[in-house]
Amino acid sequence: MKVISHPQNENIKRINEIYQVLKKNYLGYLIEENSFFSKFPFIRNRKIEKEEKTADESISVRIRKVFEELGPAYIKLGQMLSTRPDLVGIETAEELQSLRDNTPTTPFNEMKEVIESELGKPIDEIFSKIDETPIGSASIGQVYKAKLKENGEYVAVKVQKPNSYEIVKSDIEIMKFLAKRVDKYIFQTRTYNLPAVVKEFERSIFKELNYLDEVMNMQNLSKNFKGVHYIKIPEPYTDYCASKVIVMELIKGIEVTDLLKKEYPDINKKKISKYGVKSYFKQVLIDGFFHADPHPGNLIVTEDNKLCYIDMGMMGILTEDFKESLAELILLLINRNSGDIIKQLIYMDIITPSQNTEDLQADVEDLLNRYYGAELKNMDGVMEDLLNVMVKNNVVLPKEFIMIGRGIALIEDTGKKLDPEFNAATELKKLSRKIVINKYKPGRLGRVGVNYLMQLEHLAKDLPDTINNTISKIEEGNLEVNIRVLEISEIINQLSISLILSALILGSSLALVSNVGPKIFEIPLLGLGGFLFSAVLGGILIVKYMMETD
């Protein structure tokens, strides 16, 4: 692990803090499992049972509390894991969704320093007025209402909390270290490839920490919805945007979260639910650039009854091929074709042929039987159900597929709450059919054909040289075949040491019975020395083995 330069070794101190928070929430055994006690199953299992019996809350609640106490990086990690029921289970994923709430606020005087440092001016030269109480607070940022000095317009100012980058960077290093150890020593977790999960989290959170990426996301989403009268995207004031500050148009309206709680006579809930489903499916199936977290708190109904998306720090991106394949999968689901659904999932690299088990096939068949005979309007939720089936069968799913499934589920759930007669499946089928039809249009086939011809041309040009080089190497006897066997060198080393140790013991035994040479207490010194050396070497090997497998 790369240790931060500090005489007190801050990383070790932080690991101890993590352990104390885990222990406080009766999860200390998660670290203790990697300790000396893991060699003694009876003691280890008693410790786990004791902590589980002592806890008066479910493990999902305790995990959520741990993330909350550990700060911004862990809150963000928890939020990411809330979208990964395939990794943490459905119950824990649902519990972690509440992490977006109740985050502590940072005093305004500290946030003011960030604004002035990023924009290079005193705050009163930029804003004629700024409210010191934030209108929104998240794990790494806060939003304030202000009035621009240059034009008198009211704006929203999103500011990153002080030292967020440094704190996150330090915690990421610790996460990498812990993930690597857990992946190495706890066999059951290897399916989830925790180091890769942390690496993906590192990439996404550092993108989110750079607010200029969010500015570009806002501009791209605005471009995609140009001409769509019912959708509003906030306009950023790019002259006042930096890596830790965004100044954007202030959206006046009502959060959909509030709309779900009470009635607003001037708002047509049926229309809003329709706007939500049409706009989200457009993002996913047409644009391939979609909001990663369309929960009600990130949706605002404006004063002129438009639907506005906010908080665009994380967006999903899909290739043209994936969009087309997704549209085909959706049509297969709606048409309840179980055999072809499995084939499509394999084709999309969502599952592997080895994961196509009889249990998975039976569960997909059961899923579709639940919807058998149902009208299209009653098929909302089928995509989320398919995700849950794969989670049940221990399929680790691609990030984009999880994001889409969760996004569709959020939009469907919000739509149903706004309008009991809401029907997402009809819109989903209509768009999917349109995409599949477009896939086979002459213009599109022509473009694809040209691309394939170019690839064939490149292959044809390179093929003669490749063949000549291979034949030359065979003739010269220089062709090498590299076969990589995992950990084979380590096994050879262990066998070599074992043979040497065995030879030492055997030789020492012969020296003892030969009764020749100098003696001590009537025992031949040569044989005694050999046995003592063998004992020390054997002890070292045992300790080394225990340390490597703890």
Protein backbone atom coordinates (compact mmCIF):
# COMPACT_ATOMS: atom_id res chain seq x y z
CA MET A 1 0.00 0.00 0.00
CA LYS A 2 1.26 3.45 -0.83
CA VAL A 3 1.54 5.28 2.48
CA ILE A 4 0.87 9.00 2.73
CA SER A 5 3.98 10.90 3.78
CA HIS A 6 3.35 11.69 7.42
CA PRO A 7 5.37 10.82 10.55
CA GLN A 8 2.29 9.37 12.26
CA ASN A 9 1.40 7.23 9.23
CA GLU A 10 -2.11 8.49 8.55
CA ASN A 11 -3.12 5.43 6.52
CA ILE A 12 -2.55 3.04 9.43
CA LYS A 13 -4.42 5.46 11.69
CA ARG A 14 -7.32 5.51 9.23
CA ILE A 15 -7.41 1.70 9.01
CA ASN A 16 -7.69 1.63 12.80
CA GLU A 17 -10.58 4.15 12.60
CA ILE A 18 -12.32 1.90 10.06
CA TYR A 19 -11.85 -1.08 12.38
CA GLN A 20 -13.27 0.84 15.36
CA VAL A 21 -16.35 1.91 13.34
CA LEU A 22 -16.88 -1.69 12.19
CA LYS A 23 -16.50 -2.95 15.75
CA LYS A 24 -18.93 -0.31 17.05
CA ASN A 25 -21.52 -1.61 14.58
CA TYR A 26 -20.82 -5.27 15.44
CA LEU A 27 -18.97 -5.91 12.18
CA GLY A 28 -15.45 -6.09 13.59
CA TYR A 29 -15.13 -9.70 12.50
CA LEU A 30 -14.89 -8.54 8.87
CA ILE A 31 -11.33 -7.40 9.64
CA GLU A 32 -10.68 -10.02 12.32
CA GLU A 33 -11.36 -12.71 9.71
CA ASN A 34 -8.02 -11.68 8.16
CA SER A 35 -6.15 -11.86 11.46
CA PHE A 36 -4.38 -14.54 13.49
CA PHE A 37 -7.74 -15.78 14.81
CA SER A 38 -8.80 -16.87 11.30
CA LYS A 39 -6.52 -19.91 11.83
CA PHE A 40 -8.78 -21.12 14.64
CA PRO A 41 -12.29 -21.70 13.22
CA PHE A 42 -13.82 -22.48 16.63
CA ILE A 43 -12.70 -19.15 18.14
CA ARG A 44 -13.49 -17.25 14.92
CA ASN A 45 -17.01 -18.62 14.58
CA ARG A 46 -17.78 -17.89 18.23
CA LYS A 47 -16.68 -14.25 17.74
CA ILE A 48 -18.97 -13.91 14.68
CA GLU A 49 -21.91 -15.52 16.47
CA LYS A 50 -21.39 -13.29 19.52
CA GLU A 51 -21.35 -10.08 17.45
CA GLU A 52 -24.41 -11.13 15.43
CA LYS A 53 -26.38 -11.99 18.59
CA THR A 54 -25.36 -8.75 20.31
CA ALA A 55 -26.47 -6.56 17.39
CA ASP A 56 -30.08 -5.41 17.59
CA GLU A 57 -30.23 -4.25 13.95
CA SER A 58 -30.00 -6.09 10.65
CA ILE A 59 -26.61 -6.37 8.97
CA SER A 60 -27.86 -4.13 6.12
CA VAL A 61 -28.65 -1.28 8.53
CA ARG A 62 -25.29 -1.68 10.26
CA ILE A 63 -23.43 -1.58 6.92
CA ARG A 64 -25.28 1.62 6.02
CA LYS A 65 -24.32 3.20 9.36
CA VAL A 66 -20.67 2.26 8.81
CA PHE A 67 -20.63 4.05 5.45
CA GLU A 68 -22.28 7.12 6.99
CA GLU A 69 -19.72 7.34 9.80
CA LEU A 70 -16.68 6.84 7.57
CA GLY A 71 -17.31 9.97 5.51
CA PRO A 72 -17.58 11.17 1.87
CA ALA A 73 -15.68 8.44 0.02
CA TYR A 74 -17.54 5.66 1.82
CA ILE A 75 -20.91 7.38 1.42
CA LYS A 76 -20.23 7.56 -2.32
CA LEU A 77 -19.10 3.93 -2.34
CA GLY A 78 -22.30 2.99 -0.53
CA GLN A 79 -24.35 4.92 -3.07
CA MET A 80 -22.60 3.08 -5.88
CA LEU A 81 -23.18 -0.28 -4.19
CA SER A 82 -26.87 0.61 -3.79
CA THR A 83 -27.05 0.17 -7.56
CA ARG A 84 -25.30 -3.23 -7.38
CA PRO A 85 -27.67 -5.78 -5.81
CA ASP A 86 -25.69 -8.42 -7.69
CA LEU A 87 -22.75 -7.68 -5.38
CA VAL A 88 -24.34 -6.82 -2.02
CA GLY A 89 -27.78 -8.41 -2.24
CA ILE A 90 -31.18 -6.81 -2.77
CA GLU A 91 -31.85 -6.01 0.91
CA THR A 92 -28.51 -4.24 1.45
CA ALA A 93 -28.76 -2.39 -1.87
CA GLU A 94 -32.18 -1.02 -0.88
CA GLU A 95 -30.89 0.05 2.56
CA LEU A 96 -27.90 1.84 1.04
CA GLN A 97 -30.18 3.96 -1.14
CA SER A 98 -30.97 6.09 1.94
CA LEU A 99 -27.33 7.22 2.09
CA ARG A 100 -28.18 10.23 -0.05
CA ASP A 101 -30.08 11.73 2.90
CA ASN A 102 -28.99 13.36 6.19
CA THR A 103 -25.43 14.25 5.17
CA PRO A 104 -23.77 16.80 7.50
CA THR A 105 -23.32 20.38 6.26
CA THR A 106 -20.05 22.33 6.24
CA PRO A 107 -20.01 25.91 7.66
CA PHE A 108 -20.38 28.66 5.04
CA ASN A 109 -17.09 30.40 5.90
CA GLU A 110 -15.20 27.23 4.84
CA MET A 111 -17.22 26.93 1.62
CA LYS A 112 -16.63 30.63 0.88
CA GLU A 113 -12.88 30.01 0.84
CA VAL A 114 -13.35 27.28 -1.80
CA ILE A 115 -15.45 29.61 -4.01
CA GLU A 116 -12.93 32.44 -3.85
CA SER A 117 -9.95 30.14 -4.38
CA GLU A 118 -11.54 28.43 -7.42
CA LEU A 119 -12.91 31.56 -9.11
CA GLY A 120 -9.96 33.78 -8.19
CA LYS A 121 -12.04 36.68 -6.88
CA PRO A 122 -13.59 37.82 -3.60
CA ILE A 123 -17.11 36.49 -3.32
CA ASP A 124 -18.68 39.97 -3.21
CA GLU A 125 -17.19 40.76 -6.62
CA ILE A 126 -19.08 37.81 -8.15
CA PHE A 127 -22.38 37.80 -6.26
CA SER A 128 -24.37 40.74 -4.99
CA LYS A 129 -26.09 38.34 -2.57
CA ILE A 130 -25.61 34.73 -1.46
CA ASP A 131 -27.66 32.83 1.12
CA GLU A 132 -25.37 31.25 3.70
CA THR A 133 -27.82 28.40 4.38
CA PRO A 134 -27.46 25.72 1.68
CA ILE A 135 -30.54 24.72 -0.30
CA GLY A 136 -29.01 21.27 -0.73
CA SER A 137 -26.23 19.19 0.83
CA ALA A 138 -24.59 15.97 -0.28
CA SER A 139 -21.57 13.94 0.79
CA ILE A 140 -19.00 15.98 -1.13
CA GLY A 141 -20.82 19.21 -2.05
CA GLN A 142 -23.38 21.84 -1.07
CA VAL A 143 -25.64 24.10 -3.15
CA TYR A 144 -26.39 27.77 -2.37
CA LYS A 145 -28.79 30.30 -3.81
CA ALA A 146 -27.08 33.50 -5.00
CA LYS A 147 -27.56 36.57 -7.20
CA LEU A 148 -25.01 37.33 -9.91
CA LYS A 149 -23.56 40.81 -9.73
CA GLU A 150 -23.08 41.23 -13.49
CA ASN A 151 -26.72 40.69 -14.57
CA GLY A 152 -28.80 40.41 -11.38
CA GLU A 153 -29.95 36.85 -12.19
CA TYR A 154 -30.51 34.31 -9.43
CA VAL A 155 -28.29 31.26 -9.71
CA ALA A 156 -27.49 28.01 -7.93
CA VAL A 157 -23.89 27.68 -6.74
CA LYS A 158 -22.64 24.12 -6.27
CA VAL A 159 -19.47 24.02 -4.14
CA GLN A 160 -17.23 21.07 -3.27
CA LYS A 161 -16.51 20.64 0.43
CA PRO A 162 -12.95 21.52 1.53
CA ASN A 163 -10.31 18.78 1.24
CA SER A 164 -12.82 16.37 -0.34
CA TYR A 165 -10.30 15.35 -3.01
CA GLU A 166 -7.51 14.67 -0.49
CA ILE A 167 -9.82 12.73 1.86
CA VAL A 168 -11.22 10.64 -0.99
CA LYS A 169 -7.75 9.98 -2.42
CA SER A 170 -6.47 8.71 0.94
CA ASP A 171 -9.53 6.52 1.50
CA ILE A 172 -9.29 5.10 -2.03
CA GLU A 173 -5.72 3.94 -1.32
CA ILE A 174 -6.96 2.17 1.81
CA MET A 175 -9.89 0.64 -0.10
CA LYS A 176 -7.45 -0.74 -2.70
CA PHE A 177 -5.28 -2.24 0.04
CA LEU A 178 -8.20 -3.84 1.88
CA ALA A 179 -9.87 -5.06 -1.34
CA LYS A 180 -6.64 -6.71 -2.46
CA ARG A 181 -6.22 -8.51 0.86
CA VAL A 182 -9.86 -9.60 1.07
CA ASP A 183 -9.73 -10.86 -2.54
CA LYS A 184 -6.53 -12.78 -1.78
CA TYR A 185 -7.47 -14.35 1.52
CA ILE A 186 -11.27 -14.78 1.46
CA PHE A 187 -12.06 -17.18 -1.35
CA GLN A 188 -15.82 -16.51 -1.33
CA THR A 189 -15.34 -12.87 -2.41
CA ARG A 190 -13.28 -13.61 -5.52
CA THR A 191 -16.39 -13.97 -7.66
CA TYR A 192 -17.04 -10.25 -7.13
CA ASN A 193 -13.49 -9.13 -8.06
CA LEU A 194 -13.36 -6.47 -5.33
CA PRO A 195 -10.14 -4.82 -6.63
CA ALA A 196 -11.92 -4.20 -9.96
CA VAL A 197 -14.97 -2.79 -8.11
CA VAL A 198 -12.74 -0.36 -6.21
CA LYS A 199 -10.92 0.57 -9.42
CA GLU A 200 -14.22 1.36 -11.14
CA PHE A 201 -15.34 3.33 -8.08
CA GLU A 202 -12.06 5.28 -8.14
CA ARG A 203 -12.60 6.21 -11.78
CA SER A 204 -16.20 7.30 -11.24
CA ILE A 205 -15.69 9.29 -8.03
CA PHE A 206 -12.73 11.24 -9.40
CA LYS A 207 -14.85 12.13 -12.43
CA GLU A 208 -17.55 13.30 -10.04
CA LEU A 209 -15.03 15.32 -8.05
CA ASN A 210 -14.15 17.27 -11.20
CA TYR A 211 -17.16 19.56 -11.57
CA LEU A 212 -16.11 20.53 -15.09
CA ASP A 213 -17.15 17.02 -16.18
CA GLU A 214 -20.63 17.70 -14.81
CA VAL A 215 -20.75 20.98 -16.75
CA MET A 216 -20.04 19.05 -19.96
CA ASN A 217 -22.71 16.48 -19.02
CA MET A 218 -25.25 19.29 -18.59
CA GLN A 219 -24.36 20.74 -21.98
CA ASN A 220 -24.55 17.34 -23.73
CA LEU A 221 -27.88 16.46 -22.14
CA SER A 222 -29.25 19.90 -23.04
CA LYS A 223 -28.16 19.37 -26.64
CA ASN A 224 -29.91 15.96 -26.77
CA PHE A 225 -33.16 17.51 -25.51
CA LYS A 226 -33.04 20.53 -27.79
CA GLY A 227 -36.53 20.96 -29.25
CA VAL A 228 -38.18 18.74 -26.60
CA HIS A 229 -40.59 21.25 -25.07
CA TYR A 230 -41.39 19.37 -21.84
CA ILE A 231 -37.80 18.85 -20.58
CA LYS A 232 -35.60 21.47 -18.91
CA ILE A 233 -31.85 21.18 -18.27
CA PRO A 234 -30.14 23.88 -16.13
CA GLU A 235 -27.82 26.17 -18.08
CA PRO A 236 -24.31 26.53 -16.60
CA TYR A 237 -22.57 29.93 -16.48
CA THR A 238 -19.26 28.63 -17.82
CA ASP A 239 -17.33 31.82 -16.95
CA TYR A 240 -17.98 31.02 -13.29
CA CYS A 241 -17.35 27.26 -13.37
CA ALA A 242 -14.21 25.51 -12.13
CA SER A 243 -13.16 22.05 -10.96
CA LYS A 244 -14.79 22.60 -7.53
CA VAL A 245 -17.50 25.19 -8.28
CA ILE A 246 -20.46 25.29 -10.68
CA VAL A 247 -22.62 28.37 -11.12
CA MET A 248 -25.80 27.42 -12.96
CA GLU A 249 -29.31 28.56 -13.67
CA LEU A 250 -31.51 28.40 -10.57
CA ILE A 251 -34.49 26.15 -11.25
CA LYS A 252 -37.64 27.31 -9.52
CA GLY A 253 -40.16 24.60 -8.92
CA ILE A 254 -41.14 21.59 -6.84
CA GLU A 255 -39.09 18.45 -6.30
CA VAL A 256 -40.87 15.30 -7.44
CA THR A 257 -40.14 13.99 -3.91
CA ASP A 258 -42.54 16.67 -2.58
CA LEU A 259 -45.00 16.01 -5.38
CA LEU A 260 -45.27 12.41 -4.19
CA LYS A 261 -46.19 13.56 -0.67
CA LYS A 262 -48.97 16.07 -1.34
CA GLU A 263 -51.20 17.55 -4.00
CA TYR A 264 -50.35 20.64 -6.06
CA PRO A 265 -53.44 21.82 -7.99
CA ASP A 266 -51.39 23.52 -10.72
CA ILE A 267 -49.40 20.37 -11.56
CA ASN A 268 -50.75 17.60 -13.80
CA LYS A 269 -49.23 14.44 -12.33
CA LYS A 270 -50.27 12.29 -15.30
CA LYS A 271 -48.30 14.50 -17.67
CA ILE A 272 -45.26 14.58 -15.39
CA SER A 273 -45.18 10.77 -15.17
CA LYS A 274 -45.40 10.57 -18.97
CA TYR A 275 -42.61 13.16 -19.35
CA GLY A 276 -40.41 11.10 -17.04
CA VAL A 277 -40.77 7.80 -18.88
CA LYS A 278 -40.50 9.31 -22.38
CA SER A 279 -37.43 11.39 -21.52
CA TYR A 280 -35.61 8.58 -19.73
CA PHE A 281 -36.22 5.98 -22.42
CA LYS A 282 -35.07 8.53 -25.01
CA GLN A 283 -31.82 8.94 -23.08
CA VAL A 284 -31.22 5.18 -22.87
CA LEU A 285 -32.47 3.84 -26.19
CA ILE A 286 -32.03 6.78 -28.59
CA ASP A 287 -29.17 8.94 -27.27
CA GLY A 288 -27.14 6.32 -25.37
CA PHE A 289 -26.32 9.04 -22.82
CA PHE A 290 -28.46 8.86 -19.71
CA HIS A 291 -28.81 10.12 -16.14
CA ALA A 292 -27.34 7.48 -13.84
CA ASP A 293 -29.61 8.21 -10.85
CA PRO A 294 -33.09 9.51 -11.83
CA HIS A 295 -34.58 9.25 -8.34
CA PRO A 296 -37.36 11.74 -7.40
CA GLY A 297 -34.91 14.02 -5.56
CA ASN A 298 -33.06 14.64 -8.84
CA LEU A 299 -36.24 15.65 -10.71
CA ILE A 300 -37.92 19.04 -10.42
CA VAL A 301 -41.23 20.20 -11.89
CA THR A 302 -40.71 23.79 -13.02
CA GLU A 303 -43.18 26.64 -12.67
CA ASP A 304 -44.20 26.20 -16.32
CA ASN A 305 -44.80 22.44 -15.80
CA LYS A 306 -41.63 21.11 -17.41
CA LEU A 307 -39.59 18.25 -15.99
CA CYS A 308 -36.03 19.22 -15.05
CA TYR A 309 -33.11 16.85 -14.41
CA ILE A 310 -30.47 17.99 -11.87
CA ASP A 311 -27.23 16.55 -10.44
CA MET A 312 -25.52 15.21 -13.55
CA GLY A 313 -22.23 14.20 -11.96
CA MET A 314 -22.67 10.60 -13.12
CA MET A 315 -24.01 9.64 -16.54
CA GLY A 316 -24.25 6.31 -18.33
CA ILE A 317 -22.93 5.87 -21.88
CA LEU A 318 -23.99 3.10 -24.28
CA THR A 319 -22.57 2.08 -27.64
CA GLU A 320 -24.78 1.84 -30.72
CA ASP A 321 -24.54 -1.97 -30.68
CA PHE A 322 -25.50 -2.20 -27.01
CA LYS A 323 -28.54 0.06 -27.53
CA GLU A 324 -29.74 -2.14 -30.39
CA SER A 325 -29.14 -5.33 -28.40
CA LEU A 326 -30.94 -3.84 -25.39
CA ALA A 327 -33.94 -2.95 -27.55
CA GLU A 328 -34.06 -6.55 -28.81
CA LEU A 329 -33.87 -7.87 -25.22
CA ILE A 330 -36.74 -5.61 -24.14
CA LEU A 331 -38.93 -6.85 -27.01
CA LEU A 332 -38.12 -10.47 -26.11
CA LEU A 333 -39.10 -9.77 -22.49
CA ILE A 334 -42.35 -8.09 -23.47
CA ASN A 335 -43.13 -10.93 -25.90
CA ARG A 336 -42.23 -13.48 -23.15
CA ASN A 337 -39.71 -15.50 -25.20
CA SER A 338 -37.62 -17.25 -22.52
CA GLY A 339 -35.27 -19.28 -24.76
CA ASP A 340 -34.25 -16.33 -26.88
CA ILE A 341 -33.88 -14.11 -23.77
CA ILE A 342 -31.08 -16.36 -22.49
CA LYS A 343 -29.40 -16.36 -25.91
CA GLN A 344 -29.65 -12.57 -26.06
CA LEU A 345 -28.10 -12.18 -22.60
CA ILE A 346 -25.17 -14.36 -23.69
CA TYR A 347 -24.81 -12.41 -26.95
CA MET A 348 -24.70 -9.14 -24.97
CA ASP A 349 -21.97 -10.58 -22.67
CA ILE A 350 -24.27 -10.06 -19.68
CA ILE A 351 -23.98 -13.74 -18.79
CA THR A 352 -21.48 -16.37 -19.93
CA PRO A 353 -22.44 -19.76 -21.43
CA SER A 354 -21.26 -21.44 -18.19
CA GLN A 355 -23.76 -19.31 -16.21
CA ASN A 356 -26.60 -20.56 -18.40
CA THR A 357 -27.61 -23.15 -15.81
CA GLU A 358 -30.84 -25.10 -15.52
CA ASP A 359 -31.68 -23.03 -12.43
CA LEU A 360 -31.31 -19.77 -14.35
CA GLN A 361 -33.43 -21.09 -17.22
CA ALA A 362 -36.11 -22.26 -14.78
CA ASP A 363 -36.13 -18.89 -12.97
CA VAL A 364 -36.46 -16.95 -16.24
CA GLU A 365 -39.30 -19.26 -17.26
CA ASP A 366 -41.01 -18.70 -13.88
CA LEU A 367 -40.58 -14.95 -14.27
CA LEU A 368 -42.28 -14.92 -17.66
CA ASN A 369 -45.04 -17.23 -16.43
CA ARG A 370 -45.94 -14.60 -13.83
CA TYR A 371 -46.63 -12.18 -16.67
CA TYR A 372 -48.33 -14.75 -18.91
CA GLY A 373 -51.62 -13.41 -20.17
CA ALA A 374 -50.99 -10.00 -18.62
CA GLU A 375 -51.82 -6.91 -20.62
CA LEU A 376 -48.92 -4.74 -21.70
CA LYS A 377 -49.87 -2.04 -19.19
CA ASN A 378 -49.35 -4.58 -16.37
CA MET A 379 -45.80 -5.51 -17.39
CA ASP A 380 -44.03 -2.62 -15.65
CA GLY A 381 -41.25 -4.01 -13.48
CA VAL A 382 -40.28 -6.91 -15.76
CA MET A 383 -36.78 -5.49 -16.32
CA GLU A 384 -36.15 -5.18 -12.57
CA ASP A 385 -37.48 -8.71 -12.06
CA LEU A 386 -35.03 -10.00 -14.67
CA LEU A 387 -32.16 -8.31 -12.82
CA ASN A 388 -33.28 -9.90 -9.55
CA VAL A 389 -33.39 -13.34 -11.20
CA MET A 390 -29.77 -12.95 -12.30
CA VAL A 391 -28.75 -11.66 -8.86
CA LYS A 392 -30.39 -14.74 -7.32
CA ASN A 393 -28.26 -16.92 -9.64
CA ASN A 394 -25.03 -15.14 -8.60
CA VAL A 395 -24.46 -13.42 -11.94
CA VAL A 396 -22.11 -10.43 -11.61
CA LEU A 397 -23.66 -7.95 -14.03
CA PRO A 398 -22.08 -5.22 -16.20
CA LYS A 399 -22.29 -1.79 -14.58
CA GLU A 400 -24.25 -0.23 -17.47
CA PHE A 401 -26.87 -2.98 -17.42
CA ILE A 402 -27.42 -2.51 -13.67
CA MET A 403 -27.67 1.27 -14.13
CA ILE A 404 -30.28 0.88 -16.85
CA GLY A 405 -32.32 -1.66 -14.88
CA ARG A 406 -32.28 0.48 -11.75
CA GLY A 407 -33.05 3.66 -13.71
CA ILE A 408 -36.05 2.05 -15.41
CA ALA A 409 -37.24 0.73 -12.03
CA LEU A 410 -36.97 4.21 -10.48
CA ILE A 411 -38.87 5.85 -13.34
CA GLU A 412 -41.57 3.16 -13.26
CA ASP A 413 -41.96 3.39 -9.48
CA THR A 414 -42.16 7.21 -9.53
CA GLY A 415 -44.61 7.10 -12.45
CA LYS A 416 -46.90 4.64 -10.65
CA LYS A 417 -46.96 6.84 -7.54
CA LEU A 418 -47.80 9.91 -9.60
CA ASP A 419 -50.39 8.16 -11.76
CA PRO A 420 -52.00 4.80 -10.81
CA GLU A 421 -52.80 4.23 -14.51
CA PHE A 422 -49.17 4.84 -15.52
CA ASN A 423 -47.89 2.53 -18.28
CA ALA A 424 -44.17 2.45 -19.02
CA ALA A 425 -44.15 -0.83 -20.96
CA THR A 426 -46.08 0.63 -23.92
CA GLU A 427 -43.54 3.44 -24.39
CA LEU A 428 -40.66 1.01 -23.90
CA LYS A 429 -42.03 -1.38 -26.53
CA LYS A 430 -42.67 1.44 -29.00
CA LEU A 431 -39.13 2.82 -28.74
CA SER A 432 -37.52 -0.63 -28.80
CA ARG A 433 -39.43 -1.62 -31.93
CA LYS A 434 -38.40 1.64 -33.60
CA ILE A 435 -34.72 0.94 -32.86
CA VAL A 436 -34.88 -2.65 -34.10
CA ILE A 437 -36.59 -1.52 -37.33
CA ASN A 438 -33.95 1.21 -37.83
CA LYS A 439 -31.26 -1.44 -37.41
CA TYR A 440 -32.31 -3.04 -40.71
CA LYS A 441 -32.87 0.10 -42.74
CA PRO A 442 -30.80 0.25 -45.97
CA GLY A 443 -28.88 3.35 -44.89
CA ARG A 444 -27.80 1.80 -41.61
CA LEU A 445 -26.94 -1.54 -43.24
CA GLY A 446 -24.88 0.36 -45.82
CA ARG A 447 -22.86 2.13 -43.12
CA VAL A 448 -22.28 -1.13 -41.24
CA GLY A 449 -21.32 -2.87 -44.48
CA VAL A 450 -18.73 -0.21 -45.27
CA ASN A 451 -17.21 -0.61 -41.79
CA TYR A 452 -16.98 -4.39 -42.21
CA LEU A 453 -15.39 -4.00 -45.66
CA MET A 454 -12.76 -1.65 -44.21
CA GLN A 455 -11.94 -4.18 -41.48
CA LEU A 456 -11.67 -6.98 -44.07
CA GLU A 457 -9.41 -4.79 -46.19
CA HIS A 458 -7.07 -4.17 -43.23
CA LEU A 459 -7.10 -7.90 -42.41
CA ALA A 460 -6.31 -8.81 -46.04
CA LYS A 461 -3.39 -6.32 -46.12
CA ASP A 462 -1.87 -7.62 -42.88
CA LEU A 463 -2.45 -11.35 -43.49
CA PRO A 464 0.45 -12.05 -45.93
CA ASP A 465 3.01 -10.39 -43.65
CA THR A 466 1.65 -12.26 -40.62
CA ILE A 467 1.86 -15.62 -42.44
CA ASN A 468 5.41 -14.91 -43.74
CA ASN A 469 6.63 -13.92 -40.27
CA THR A 470 5.15 -17.05 -38.71
CA ILE A 471 6.68 -19.36 -41.38
CA SER A 472 10.09 -17.68 -40.99
CA LYS A 473 10.05 -18.21 -37.22
CA ILE A 474 9.11 -21.89 -37.67
CA GLU A 475 11.95 -22.42 -40.19
CA GLU A 476 14.48 -20.70 -37.92
CA GLY A 477 13.24 -22.57 -34.87
CA ASN A 478 12.37 -19.31 -33.13
CA LEU A 479 8.65 -19.89 -32.67
CA GLU A 480 7.84 -19.76 -28.99
CA VAL A 481 4.61 -20.85 -27.32
CA ASN A 482 4.05 -19.21 -23.94
CA ILE A 483 1.85 -21.17 -21.55
CA ARG A 484 1.02 -19.36 -18.33
CA VAL A 485 0.13 -21.52 -15.36
CA LEU A 486 -0.97 -19.46 -12.37
CA GLU A 487 1.31 -19.77 -9.32
CA ILE A 488 3.33 -22.65 -10.90
CA SER A 489 6.64 -21.02 -9.95
CA GLU A 490 5.50 -20.74 -6.33
CA ILE A 491 4.52 -24.41 -6.31
CA ILE A 492 7.95 -25.39 -7.74
CA ASN A 493 9.71 -23.32 -5.05
CA GLN A 494 7.68 -24.98 -2.30
CA LEU A 495 8.41 -28.48 -3.71
CA SER A 496 12.14 -27.67 -3.95
CA ILE A 497 12.30 -26.49 -0.32
CA SER A 498 10.31 -29.53 0.80
CA LEU A 499 12.77 -31.87 -0.97
CA ILE A 500 15.75 -30.08 0.58
CA LEU A 501 14.13 -30.29 4.02
CA SER A 502 13.40 -34.00 3.55
CA ALA A 503 17.01 -34.62 2.47
CA LEU A 504 18.32 -32.78 5.54
CA ILE A 505 16.14 -34.85 7.88
CA LEU A 506 17.17 -38.10 6.16
CA GLY A 507 20.86 -37.15 6.20
CA SER A 508 20.68 -36.16 9.85
CA SER A 509 19.04 -39.47 10.71
CA LEU A 510 21.86 -41.39 8.97
CA ALA A 511 24.44 -39.29 10.83
CA LEU A 512 22.78 -40.13 14.14
CA VAL A 513 22.79 -43.90 13.58
CA SER A 514 26.34 -43.91 12.15
CA ASN A 515 27.70 -43.01 15.61
CA VAL A 516 30.78 -41.29 14.14
CA GLY A 517 32.37 -37.86 14.62
CA PRO A 518 32.31 -35.55 17.66
CA LYS A 519 29.47 -36.03 20.14
CA ILE A 520 27.54 -34.04 22.71
CA PHE A 521 25.66 -35.97 25.43
CA GLU A 522 26.50 -39.12 23.47
CA ILE A 523 24.65 -37.76 20.41
CA PRO A 524 26.64 -37.27 17.15
CA LEU A 525 27.03 -33.50 16.70
CA LEU A 526 26.59 -33.67 12.90
CA GLY A 527 23.21 -35.39 13.16
CA LEU A 528 21.99 -33.10 15.98
CA GLY A 529 23.00 -30.01 14.01
CA GLY A 530 21.17 -31.28 10.94
CA PHE A 531 18.00 -31.90 12.96
CA LEU A 532 18.17 -28.47 14.63
CA PHE A 533 18.67 -26.75 11.27
CA SER A 534 15.75 -28.75 9.77
CA ALA A 535 13.52 -27.75 12.71
CA VAL A 536 14.35 -24.03 12.31
CA LEU A 537 13.80 -24.17 8.53
CA GLY A 538 10.52 -26.07 8.97
CA GLY A 539 9.34 -23.54 11.58
CA ILE A 540 10.12 -20.63 9.25
CA LEU A 541 8.16 -22.30 6.44
CA ILE A 542 5.13 -22.88 8.71
CA VAL A 543 5.13 -19.26 9.94
CA LYS A 544 5.52 -18.01 6.35
CA TYR A 545 2.58 -20.18 5.24
CA MET A 546 0.38 -18.89 8.09
CA MET A 547 1.24 -15.26 7.30
CA GLU A 548 0.43 -15.73 3.60
CA THR A 549 -2.91 -17.40 4.29
CA ASP A 550 -4.14 -15.23 7.17
